[in-house]
């Protein structure tokens, strides 16, 4: 997150998918979501299913971040594996926004 702020991006964070959806439902729509697949309460898969149901959020580009080698069933724009290559991530962010 600090890297993104240092690059001039406005960043909002959430501890889990449920908190993220609540934020997105009541805020201006961001230009991009960076989604960790493994979160408590509501994981990335469940977040993404709910996000796609909402017209105002359905078309948001999503970059999923994961340390797992199994990520079947996720419908995101890009998957980035941990440990994160910061330059690669910044390049993807520029491409999607």
PDB file of N, CA and C in Angstrom:
ATOM      1  N   UNK A   1       0.822  -1.183   0.000  1.00  0.00           N
ATOM      2  CA  UNK A   1       0.000   0.000   0.000  1.00  0.00           C
ATOM      3  C   UNK A   1       0.871   1.254   0.000  1.00  0.00           C
ATOM      4  N   UNK A   2       1.929   1.260   0.799  1.00  0.00           N
ATOM      5  CA  UNK A   2       2.805   2.427   0.866  1.00  0.00           C
ATOM      6  C   UNK A   2       3.406   2.758  -0.498  1.00  0.00           C
ATOM      7  N   UNK A   3       3.719   1.713  -1.256  1.00  0.00           N
ATOM      8  CA  UNK A   3       4.282   1.925  -2.591  1.00  0.00           C
ATOM      9  C   UNK A   3       3.279   2.639  -3.480  1.00  0.00           C
ATOM     10  N   UNK A   4       2.024   2.245  -3.393  1.00  0.00           N
ATOM     11  CA  UNK A   4       0.991   2.869  -4.224  1.00  0.00           C
ATOM     12  C   UNK A   4       0.781   4.327  -3.839  1.00  0.00           C
ATOM     13  N   UNK A   5       0.776   4.595  -2.559  1.00  0.00           N
ATOM     14  CA  UNK A   5       0.636   5.981  -2.096  1.00  0.00           C
ATOM     15  C   UNK A   5       1.831   6.810  -2.556  1.00  0.00           C
ATOM     16  N   UNK A   6       3.023   6.241  -2.450  1.00  0.00           N
ATOM     17  CA  UNK A   6       4.226   6.947  -2.893  1.00  0.00           C
ATOM     18  C   UNK A   6       4.187   7.243  -4.389  1.00  0.00           C
ATOM     19  N   UNK A   7       3.497   6.406  -5.147  1.00  0.00           N
ATOM     20  CA  UNK A   7       3.354   6.617  -6.590  1.00  0.00           C
ATOM     21  C   UNK A   7       2.248   7.617  -6.919  1.00  0.00           C
ATOM     22  N   UNK A   8       1.544   8.108  -5.898  1.00  0.00           N
ATOM     23  CA  UNK A   8       0.517   9.119  -6.113  1.00  0.00           C
ATOM     24  C   UNK A   8      -0.906   8.596  -6.200  1.00  0.00           C
ATOM     25  N   UNK A   9      -1.100   7.316  -5.940  1.00  0.00           N
ATOM     26  CA  UNK A   9      -2.442   6.749  -5.999  1.00  0.00           C
ATOM     27  C   UNK A   9      -3.188   6.991  -4.690  1.00  0.00           C
ATOM     28  N   UNK A  10      -4.493   7.179  -4.795  1.00  0.00           N
ATOM     29  CA  UNK A  10      -5.348   7.222  -3.630  1.00  0.00           C
ATOM     30  C   UNK A  10      -5.740   5.778  -3.338  1.00  0.00           C
ATOM     31  N   UNK A  11      -5.566   5.361  -2.095  1.00  0.00           N
ATOM     32  CA  UNK A  11      -5.764   3.963  -1.736  1.00  0.00           C
ATOM     33  C   UNK A  11      -6.784   3.848  -0.603  1.00  0.00           C
ATOM     34  N   UNK A  12      -7.695   2.915  -0.748  1.00  0.00           N
ATOM     35  CA  UNK A  12      -8.610   2.550   0.330  1.00  0.00           C
ATOM     36  C   UNK A  12      -8.372   1.071   0.605  1.00  0.00           C
ATOM     37  N   UNK A  13      -8.413   0.682   1.858  1.00  0.00           N
ATOM     38  CA  UNK A  13      -8.167  -0.709   2.210  1.00  0.00           C
ATOM     39  C   UNK A  13      -9.351  -1.285   2.972  1.00  0.00           C
ATOM     40  N   UNK A  14      -9.418  -2.609   2.959  1.00  0.00           N
ATOM     41  CA  UNK A  14     -10.437  -3.331   3.718  1.00  0.00           C
ATOM     42  C   UNK A  14      -9.790  -4.599   4.266  1.00  0.00           C
ATOM     43  N   UNK A  15     -10.243  -5.034   5.432  1.00  0.00           N
ATOM     44  CA  UNK A  15      -9.673  -6.225   6.064  1.00  0.00           C
ATOM     45  C   UNK A  15     -10.226  -7.518   5.502  1.00  0.00           C
ATOM     46  N   UNK A  16     -11.367  -7.440   4.846  1.00  0.00           N
ATOM     47  CA  UNK A  16     -11.969  -8.642   4.268  1.00  0.00           C
ATOM     48  C   UNK A  16     -12.925  -8.240   3.154  1.00  0.00           C
ATOM     49  N   UNK A  17     -13.433  -9.239   2.452  1.00  0.00           N
ATOM     50  CA  UNK A  17     -14.308  -8.974   1.322  1.00  0.00           C
ATOM     51  C   UNK A  17     -15.602  -8.290   1.694  1.00  0.00           C
ATOM     52  N   UNK A  18     -16.153  -8.639   2.835  1.00  0.00           N
ATOM     53  CA  UNK A  18     -17.408  -8.014   3.271  1.00  0.00           C
ATOM     54  C   UNK A  18     -17.216  -6.520   3.518  1.00  0.00           C
ATOM     55  N   UNK A  19     -16.122  -6.184   4.184  1.00  0.00           N
ATOM     56  CA  UNK A  19     -15.809  -4.771   4.437  1.00  0.00           C
ATOM     57  C   UNK A  19     -15.558  -4.033   3.118  1.00  0.00           C
ATOM     58  N   UNK A  20     -14.888  -4.684   2.187  1.00  0.00           N
ATOM     59  CA  UNK A  20     -14.621  -4.069   0.887  1.00  0.00           C
ATOM     60  C   UNK A  20     -15.909  -3.798   0.125  1.00  0.00           C
ATOM     61  N   UNK A  21     -16.808  -4.766   0.095  1.00  0.00           N
ATOM     62  CA  UNK A  21     -18.089  -4.558  -0.592  1.00  0.00           C
ATOM     63  C   UNK A  21     -18.888  -3.436   0.037  1.00  0.00           C
ATOM     64  N   UNK A  22     -18.916  -3.386   1.337  1.00  0.00           N
ATOM     65  CA  UNK A  22     -19.633  -2.312   2.026  1.00  0.00           C
ATOM     66  C   UNK A  22     -19.045  -0.957   1.638  1.00  0.00           C
ATOM     67  N   UNK A  23     -17.732  -0.861   1.629  1.00  0.00           N
ATOM     68  CA  UNK A  23     -17.077   0.388   1.234  1.00  0.00           C
ATOM     69  C   UNK A  23     -17.445   0.747  -0.208  1.00  0.00           C
ATOM     70  N   UNK A  24     -17.343  -0.213  -1.106  1.00  0.00           N
ATOM     71  CA  UNK A  24     -17.613   0.048  -2.522  1.00  0.00           C
ATOM     72  C   UNK A  24     -19.066   0.445  -2.768  1.00  0.00           C
ATOM     73  N   UNK A  25     -19.963  -0.125  -2.021  1.00  0.00           N
ATOM     74  CA  UNK A  25     -21.389   0.195  -2.184  1.00  0.00           C
ATOM     75  C   UNK A  25     -21.721   1.615  -1.756  1.00  0.00           C
ATOM     76  N   UNK A  26     -20.940   2.192  -0.865  1.00  0.00           N
ATOM     77  CA  UNK A  26     -21.253   3.499  -0.302  1.00  0.00           C
ATOM     78  C   UNK A  26     -20.230   4.578  -0.646  1.00  0.00           C
ATOM     79  N   UNK A  27     -19.383   4.314  -1.616  1.00  0.00           N
ATOM     80  CA  UNK A  27     -18.339   5.272  -1.998  1.00  0.00           C
ATOM     81  C   UNK A  27     -18.332   5.436  -3.504  1.00  0.00           C
ATOM     82  N   UNK A  28     -17.559   6.403  -3.947  1.00  0.00           N
ATOM     83  CA  UNK A  28     -17.355   6.541  -5.389  1.00  0.00           C
ATOM     84  C   UNK A  28     -16.663   5.281  -5.898  1.00  0.00           C
ATOM     85  N   UNK A  29     -17.029   4.856  -7.074  1.00  0.00           N
ATOM     86  CA  UNK A  29     -16.454   3.638  -7.644  1.00  0.00           C
ATOM     87  C   UNK A  29     -14.989   3.882  -7.993  1.00  0.00           C
ATOM     88  N   UNK A  30     -14.098   3.020  -7.508  1.00  0.00           N
ATOM     89  CA  UNK A  30     -12.685   3.193  -7.830  1.00  0.00           C
ATOM     90  C   UNK A  30     -12.401   2.758  -9.265  1.00  0.00           C
ATOM     91  N   UNK A  31     -11.211   3.028  -9.712  1.00  0.00           N
ATOM     92  CA  UNK A  31     -10.837   2.645 -11.073  1.00  0.00           C
ATOM     93  C   UNK A  31     -10.283   1.227 -11.139  1.00  0.00           C
ATOM     94  N   UNK A  32      -9.938   0.654  -9.978  1.00  0.00           N
ATOM     95  CA  UNK A  32      -9.312  -0.661  -9.946  1.00  0.00           C
ATOM     96  C   UNK A  32      -9.446  -1.258  -8.550  1.00  0.00           C
ATOM     97  N   UNK A  33      -9.590  -2.581  -8.483  1.00  0.00           N
ATOM     98  CA  UNK A  33      -9.562  -3.305  -7.218  1.00  0.00           C
ATOM     99  C   UNK A  33      -8.360  -4.237  -7.242  1.00  0.00           C
ATOM    100  N   UNK A  34      -7.571  -4.198  -6.183  1.00  0.00           N
ATOM    101  CA  UNK A  34      -6.510  -5.177  -5.987  1.00  0.00           C
ATOM    102  C   UNK A  34      -7.010  -6.084  -4.873  1.00  0.00           C
ATOM    103  N   UNK A  35      -7.198  -7.350  -5.194  1.00  0.00           N
ATOM    104  CA  UNK A  35      -7.926  -8.281  -4.345  1.00  0.00           C
ATOM    105  C   UNK A  35      -7.038  -9.416  -3.877  1.00  0.00           C
ATOM    106  N   UNK A  36      -6.902  -9.561  -2.571  1.00  0.00           N
ATOM    107  CA  UNK A  36      -6.237 -10.731  -2.017  1.00  0.00           C
ATOM    108  C   UNK A  36      -7.270 -11.852  -2.006  1.00  0.00           C
ATOM    109  N   UNK A  37      -6.909 -13.021  -2.490  1.00  0.00           N
ATOM    110  CA  UNK A  37      -7.886 -14.110  -2.555  1.00  0.00           C
ATOM    111  C   UNK A  37      -8.186 -14.722  -1.197  1.00  0.00           C
ATOM    112  N   UNK A  38      -7.219 -14.699  -0.294  1.00  0.00           N
ATOM    113  CA  UNK A  38      -7.405 -15.331   1.010  1.00  0.00           C
ATOM    114  C   UNK A  38      -7.565 -14.268   2.091  1.00  0.00           C
ATOM    115  N   UNK A  39      -8.827 -14.033   2.461  1.00  0.00           N
ATOM    116  CA  UNK A  39      -9.161 -13.055   3.489  1.00  0.00           C
ATOM    117  C   UNK A  39     -10.139 -13.706   4.463  1.00  0.00           C
ATOM    118  N   UNK A  40     -10.190 -13.221   5.694  1.00  0.00           N
ATOM    119  CA  UNK A  40     -11.166 -13.756   6.648  1.00  0.00           C
ATOM    120  C   UNK A  40     -12.580 -13.278   6.306  1.00  0.00           C
ATOM    121  N   UNK A  41     -13.566 -13.946   6.853  1.00  0.00           N
ATOM    122  CA  UNK A  41     -14.992 -13.625   6.718  1.00  0.00           C
ATOM    123  C   UNK A  41     -15.532 -13.819   5.312  1.00  0.00           C
ATOM    124  N   UNK A  42     -14.962 -13.141   4.341  1.00  0.00           N
ATOM    125  CA  UNK A  42     -15.381 -13.283   2.943  1.00  0.00           C
ATOM    126  C   UNK A  42     -14.116 -13.285   2.101  1.00  0.00           C
ATOM    127  N   UNK A  43     -13.823 -14.426   1.473  1.00  0.00           N
ATOM    128  CA  UNK A  43     -12.594 -14.509   0.688  1.00  0.00           C
ATOM    129  C   UNK A  43     -12.763 -13.845  -0.678  1.00  0.00           C
ATOM    130  N   UNK A  44     -11.709 -13.856  -1.453  1.00  0.00           N
ATOM    131  CA  UNK A  44     -11.718 -13.194  -2.749  1.00  0.00           C
ATOM    132  C   UNK A  44     -12.714 -13.772  -3.732  1.00  0.00           C
ATOM    133  N   UNK A  45     -12.914 -15.092  -3.694  1.00  0.00           N
ATOM    134  CA  UNK A  45     -13.879 -15.718  -4.588  1.00  0.00           C
ATOM    135  C   UNK A  45     -15.290 -15.232  -4.289  1.00  0.00           C
ATOM    136  N   UNK A  46     -15.658 -15.239  -3.009  1.00  0.00           N
ATOM    137  CA  UNK A  46     -16.993 -14.791  -2.626  1.00  0.00           C
ATOM    138  C   UNK A  46     -17.166 -13.299  -2.897  1.00  0.00           C
ATOM    139  N   UNK A  47     -16.141 -12.506  -2.594  1.00  0.00           N
ATOM    140  CA  UNK A  47     -16.185 -11.075  -2.886  1.00  0.00           C
ATOM    141  C   UNK A  47     -16.466 -10.857  -4.363  1.00  0.00           C
ATOM    142  N   UNK A  48     -15.728 -11.557  -5.182  1.00  0.00           N
ATOM    143  CA  UNK A  48     -15.841 -11.349  -6.616  1.00  0.00           C
ATOM    144  C   UNK A  48     -17.207 -11.768  -7.149  1.00  0.00           C
ATOM    145  N   UNK A  49     -17.775 -12.853  -6.629  1.00  0.00           N
ATOM    146  CA  UNK A  49     -19.131 -13.258  -7.040  1.00  0.00           C
ATOM    147  C   UNK A  49     -20.148 -12.174  -6.689  1.00  0.00           C
ATOM    148  N   UNK A  50     -20.045 -11.616  -5.486  1.00  0.00           N
ATOM    149  CA  UNK A  50     -20.961 -10.563  -5.063  1.00  0.00           C
ATOM    150  C   UNK A  50     -20.735  -9.275  -5.849  1.00  0.00           C
ATOM    151  N   UNK A  51     -19.495  -8.937  -6.090  1.00  0.00           N
ATOM    152  CA  UNK A  51     -19.146  -7.729  -6.844  1.00  0.00           C
ATOM    153  C   UNK A  51     -19.752  -7.775  -8.245  1.00  0.00           C
ATOM    154  N   UNK A  52     -19.673  -8.920  -8.896  1.00  0.00           N
ATOM    155  CA  UNK A  52     -20.184  -9.061 -10.266  1.00  0.00           C
ATOM    156  C   UNK A  52     -21.704  -8.960 -10.340  1.00  0.00           C
ATOM    157  N   UNK A  53     -22.395  -9.160  -9.220  1.00  0.00           N
ATOM    158  CA  UNK A  53     -23.858  -9.056  -9.193  1.00  0.00           C
ATOM    159  C   UNK A  53     -24.341  -7.614  -9.166  1.00  0.00           C
ATOM    160  N   UNK A  54     -23.471  -6.697  -8.795  1.00  0.00           N
ATOM    161  CA  UNK A  54     -23.887  -5.305  -8.609  1.00  0.00           C
ATOM    162  C   UNK A  54     -23.537  -4.470  -9.841  1.00  0.00           C
ATOM    163  N   UNK A  55     -24.535  -3.900 -10.495  1.00  0.00           N
ATOM    164  CA  UNK A  55     -24.280  -3.168 -11.738  1.00  0.00           C
ATOM    165  C   UNK A  55     -23.191  -2.104 -11.627  1.00  0.00           C
ATOM    166  N   UNK A  56     -23.161  -1.356 -10.545  1.00  0.00           N
ATOM    167  CA  UNK A  56     -22.167  -0.277 -10.436  1.00  0.00           C
ATOM    168  C   UNK A  56     -20.755  -0.816 -10.217  1.00  0.00           C
ATOM    169  N   UNK A  57     -20.621  -2.067  -9.790  1.00  0.00           N
ATOM    170  CA  UNK A  57     -19.308  -2.648  -9.495  1.00  0.00           C
ATOM    171  C   UNK A  57     -18.894  -3.749 -10.464  1.00  0.00           C
ATOM    172  N   UNK A  58     -19.825  -4.230 -11.260  1.00  0.00           N
ATOM    173  CA  UNK A  58     -19.605  -5.427 -12.067  1.00  0.00           C
ATOM    174  C   UNK A  58     -18.436  -5.326 -13.039  1.00  0.00           C
ATOM    175  N   UNK A  59     -18.200  -4.157 -13.577  1.00  0.00           N
ATOM    176  CA  UNK A  59     -17.170  -4.030 -14.607  1.00  0.00           C
ATOM    177  C   UNK A  59     -15.850  -3.468 -14.111  1.00  0.00           C
ATOM    178  N   UNK A  60     -15.701  -3.375 -12.793  1.00  0.00           N
ATOM    179  CA  UNK A  60     -14.435  -2.892 -12.239  1.00  0.00           C
ATOM    180  C   UNK A  60     -13.308  -3.849 -12.602  1.00  0.00           C
ATOM    181  N   UNK A  61     -12.193  -3.339 -13.087  1.00  0.00           N
ATOM    182  CA  UNK A  61     -11.059  -4.246 -13.291  1.00  0.00           C
ATOM    183  C   UNK A  61     -10.533  -4.721 -11.939  1.00  0.00           C
ATOM    184  N   UNK A  62     -10.150  -6.008 -11.887  1.00  0.00           N
ATOM    185  CA  UNK A  62      -9.677  -6.608 -10.653  1.00  0.00           C
ATOM    186  C   UNK A  62      -8.349  -7.307 -10.901  1.00  0.00           C
ATOM    187  N   UNK A  63      -7.374  -6.965 -10.071  1.00  0.00           N
ATOM    188  CA  UNK A  63      -6.101  -7.676 -10.040  1.00  0.00           C
ATOM    189  C   UNK A  63      -6.126  -8.511  -8.770  1.00  0.00           C
ATOM    190  N   UNK A  64      -6.077  -9.834  -8.913  1.00  0.00           N
ATOM    191  CA  UNK A  64      -6.059 -10.722  -7.754  1.00  0.00           C
ATOM    192  C   UNK A  64      -4.613 -11.002  -7.369  1.00  0.00           C
ATOM    193  N   UNK A  65      -4.367 -11.010  -6.068  1.00  0.00           N
ATOM    194  CA  UNK A  65      -3.040 -11.279  -5.532  1.00  0.00           C
ATOM    195  C   UNK A  65      -3.142 -12.552  -4.695  1.00  0.00           C
ATOM    196  N   UNK A  66      -2.221 -13.485  -4.917  1.00  0.00           N
ATOM    197  CA  UNK A  66      -2.279 -14.732  -4.172  1.00  0.00           C
ATOM    198  C   UNK A  66      -0.909 -15.374  -4.035  1.00  0.00           C
ATOM    199  N   UNK A  67      -0.756 -16.100  -2.961  1.00  0.00           N
ATOM    200  CA  UNK A  67       0.431 -16.906  -2.757  1.00  0.00           C
ATOM    201  C   UNK A  67       0.162 -18.357  -3.096  1.00  0.00           C
ATOM    202  N   UNK A  68      -1.077 -18.659  -3.433  1.00  0.00           N
ATOM    203  CA  UNK A  68      -1.478 -20.037  -3.714  1.00  0.00           C
ATOM    204  C   UNK A  68      -1.228 -20.396  -5.170  1.00  0.00           C
ATOM    205  N   UNK A  69      -1.077 -21.666  -5.411  1.00  0.00           N
ATOM    206  CA  UNK A  69      -0.932 -22.127  -6.786  1.00  0.00           C
ATOM    207  C   UNK A  69      -2.280 -22.558  -7.357  1.00  0.00           C
ATOM    208  N   UNK A  70      -3.282 -22.651  -6.498  1.00  0.00           N
ATOM    209  CA  UNK A  70      -4.621 -23.031  -6.942  1.00  0.00           C
ATOM    210  C   UNK A  70      -5.541 -21.821  -6.792  1.00  0.00           C
ATOM    211  N   UNK A  71      -6.107 -21.402  -7.906  1.00  0.00           N
ATOM    212  CA  UNK A  71      -6.993 -20.248  -7.868  1.00  0.00           C
ATOM    213  C   UNK A  71      -8.117 -20.402  -8.886  1.00  0.00           C
ATOM    214  N   UNK A  72      -8.518 -21.635  -9.126  1.00  0.00           N
ATOM    215  CA  UNK A  72      -9.586 -21.916 -10.079  1.00  0.00           C
ATOM    216  C   UNK A  72     -10.877 -21.244  -9.638  1.00  0.00           C
ATOM    217  N   UNK A  73     -11.683 -20.861 -10.616  1.00  0.00           N
ATOM    218  CA  UNK A  73     -12.994 -20.320 -10.326  1.00  0.00           C
ATOM    219  C   UNK A  73     -13.023 -18.821 -10.072  1.00  0.00           C
ATOM    220  N   UNK A  74     -11.902 -18.155 -10.226  1.00  0.00           N
ATOM    221  CA  UNK A  74     -11.886 -16.704 -10.033  1.00  0.00           C
ATOM    222  C   UNK A  74     -11.889 -16.049 -11.411  1.00  0.00           C
ATOM    223  N   UNK A  75     -12.730 -15.054 -11.600  1.00  0.00           N
ATOM    224  CA  UNK A  75     -12.879 -14.384 -12.891  1.00  0.00           C
ATOM    225  C   UNK A  75     -12.382 -12.953 -12.753  1.00  0.00           C
ATOM    226  N   UNK A  76     -11.065 -12.799 -12.759  1.00  0.00           N
ATOM    227  CA  UNK A  76     -10.449 -11.486 -12.612  1.00  0.00           C
ATOM    228  C   UNK A  76      -9.667 -11.156 -13.869  1.00  0.00           C
ATOM    229  N   UNK A  77      -9.201  -9.930 -13.950  1.00  0.00           N
ATOM    230  CA  UNK A  77      -8.452  -9.501 -15.131  1.00  0.00           C
ATOM    231  C   UNK A  77      -7.034 -10.061 -15.146  1.00  0.00           C
ATOM    232  N   UNK A  78      -6.395 -10.094 -13.977  1.00  0.00           N
ATOM    233  CA  UNK A  78      -5.012 -10.559 -13.876  1.00  0.00           C
ATOM    234  C   UNK A  78      -4.808 -11.196 -12.509  1.00  0.00           C
ATOM    235  N   UNK A  79      -3.962 -12.218 -12.457  1.00  0.00           N
ATOM    236  CA  UNK A  79      -3.547 -12.801 -11.185  1.00  0.00           C
ATOM    237  C   UNK A  79      -2.068 -12.522 -11.010  1.00  0.00           C
ATOM    238  N   UNK A  80      -1.721 -11.967  -9.846  1.00  0.00           N
ATOM    239  CA  UNK A  80      -0.328 -11.667  -9.502  1.00  0.00           C
ATOM    240  C   UNK A  80       0.045 -12.582  -8.340  1.00  0.00           C
ATOM    241  N   UNK A  81       1.166 -13.258  -8.488  1.00  0.00           N
ATOM    242  CA  UNK A  81       1.602 -14.191  -7.459  1.00  0.00           C
ATOM    243  C   UNK A  81       2.529 -13.515  -6.461  1.00  0.00           C
ATOM    244  N   UNK A  82       2.379 -13.930  -5.198  1.00  0.00           N
ATOM    245  CA  UNK A  82       3.271 -13.458  -4.138  1.00  0.00           C
ATOM    246  C   UNK A  82       4.519 -14.320  -4.161  1.00  0.00           C
ATOM    247  N   UNK A  83       5.671 -13.805  -3.824  1.00  0.00           N
ATOM    248  CA  UNK A  83       5.919 -12.412  -3.458  1.00  0.00           C
ATOM    249  C   UNK A  83       5.733 -11.511  -4.676  1.00  0.00           C
ATOM    250  N   UNK A  84       5.230 -10.335  -4.418  1.00  0.00           N
ATOM    251  CA  UNK A  84       4.859  -9.410  -5.483  1.00  0.00           C
ATOM    252  C   UNK A  84       6.077  -8.699  -6.041  1.00  0.00           C
ATOM    253  N   UNK A  85       6.170  -8.715  -7.372  1.00  0.00           N
ATOM    254  CA  UNK A  85       7.164  -7.903  -8.076  1.00  0.00           C
ATOM    255  C   UNK A  85       6.531  -6.519  -8.224  1.00  0.00           C
ATOM    256  N   UNK A  86       7.012  -5.568  -7.447  1.00  0.00           N
ATOM    257  CA  UNK A  86       6.392  -4.239  -7.374  1.00  0.00           C
ATOM    258  C   UNK A  86       6.360  -3.558  -8.734  1.00  0.00           C
ATOM    259  N   UNK A  87       7.429  -3.637  -9.488  1.00  0.00           N
ATOM    260  CA  UNK A  87       7.452  -2.995 -10.802  1.00  0.00           C
ATOM    261  C   UNK A  87       6.396  -3.607 -11.728  1.00  0.00           C
ATOM    262  N   UNK A  88       6.254  -4.921 -11.672  1.00  0.00           N
ATOM    263  CA  UNK A  88       5.231  -5.598 -12.473  1.00  0.00           C
ATOM    264  C   UNK A  88       3.833  -5.142 -12.060  1.00  0.00           C
ATOM    265  N   UNK A  89       3.583  -5.091 -10.748  1.00  0.00           N
ATOM    266  CA  UNK A  89       2.284  -4.646 -10.254  1.00  0.00           C
ATOM    267  C   UNK A  89       1.999  -3.207 -10.679  1.00  0.00           C
ATOM    268  N   UNK A  90       2.965  -2.328 -10.540  1.00  0.00           N
ATOM    269  CA  UNK A  90       2.768  -0.931 -10.954  1.00  0.00           C
ATOM    270  C   UNK A  90       2.476  -0.832 -12.441  1.00  0.00           C
ATOM    271  N   UNK A  91       3.130  -1.649 -13.241  1.00  0.00           N
ATOM    272  CA  UNK A  91       2.851  -1.673 -14.679  1.00  0.00           C
ATOM    273  C   UNK A  91       1.424  -2.109 -14.970  1.00  0.00           C
ATOM    274  N   UNK A  92       0.956  -3.122 -14.250  1.00  0.00           N
ATOM    275  CA  UNK A  92      -0.422  -3.582 -14.421  1.00  0.00           C
ATOM    276  C   UNK A  92      -1.416  -2.507 -14.011  1.00  0.00           C
ATOM    277  N   UNK A  93      -1.147  -1.852 -12.915  1.00  0.00           N
ATOM    278  CA  UNK A  93      -2.038  -0.787 -12.443  1.00  0.00           C
ATOM    279  C   UNK A  93      -2.146   0.303 -13.502  1.00  0.00           C
ATOM    280  N   UNK A  94      -1.028   0.717 -14.051  1.00  0.00           N
ATOM    281  CA  UNK A  94      -1.050   1.741 -15.111  1.00  0.00           C
ATOM    282  C   UNK A  94      -1.833   1.274 -16.310  1.00  0.00           C
ATOM    283  N   UNK A  95      -1.722  -0.003 -16.645  1.00  0.00           N
ATOM    284  CA  UNK A  95      -2.439  -0.545 -17.803  1.00  0.00           C
ATOM    285  C   UNK A  95      -3.951  -0.522 -17.582  1.00  0.00           C
ATOM    286  N   UNK A  96      -4.384  -0.803 -16.372  1.00  0.00           N
ATOM    287  CA  UNK A  96      -5.819  -0.901 -16.112  1.00  0.00           C
ATOM    288  C   UNK A  96      -6.482   0.412 -15.724  1.00  0.00           C
ATOM    289  N   UNK A  97      -5.711   1.411 -15.333  1.00  0.00           N
ATOM    290  CA  UNK A  97      -6.356   2.684 -15.040  1.00  0.00           C
ATOM    291  C   UNK A  97      -5.835   3.725 -15.993  1.00  0.00           C
TER     292      UNK A  97
END
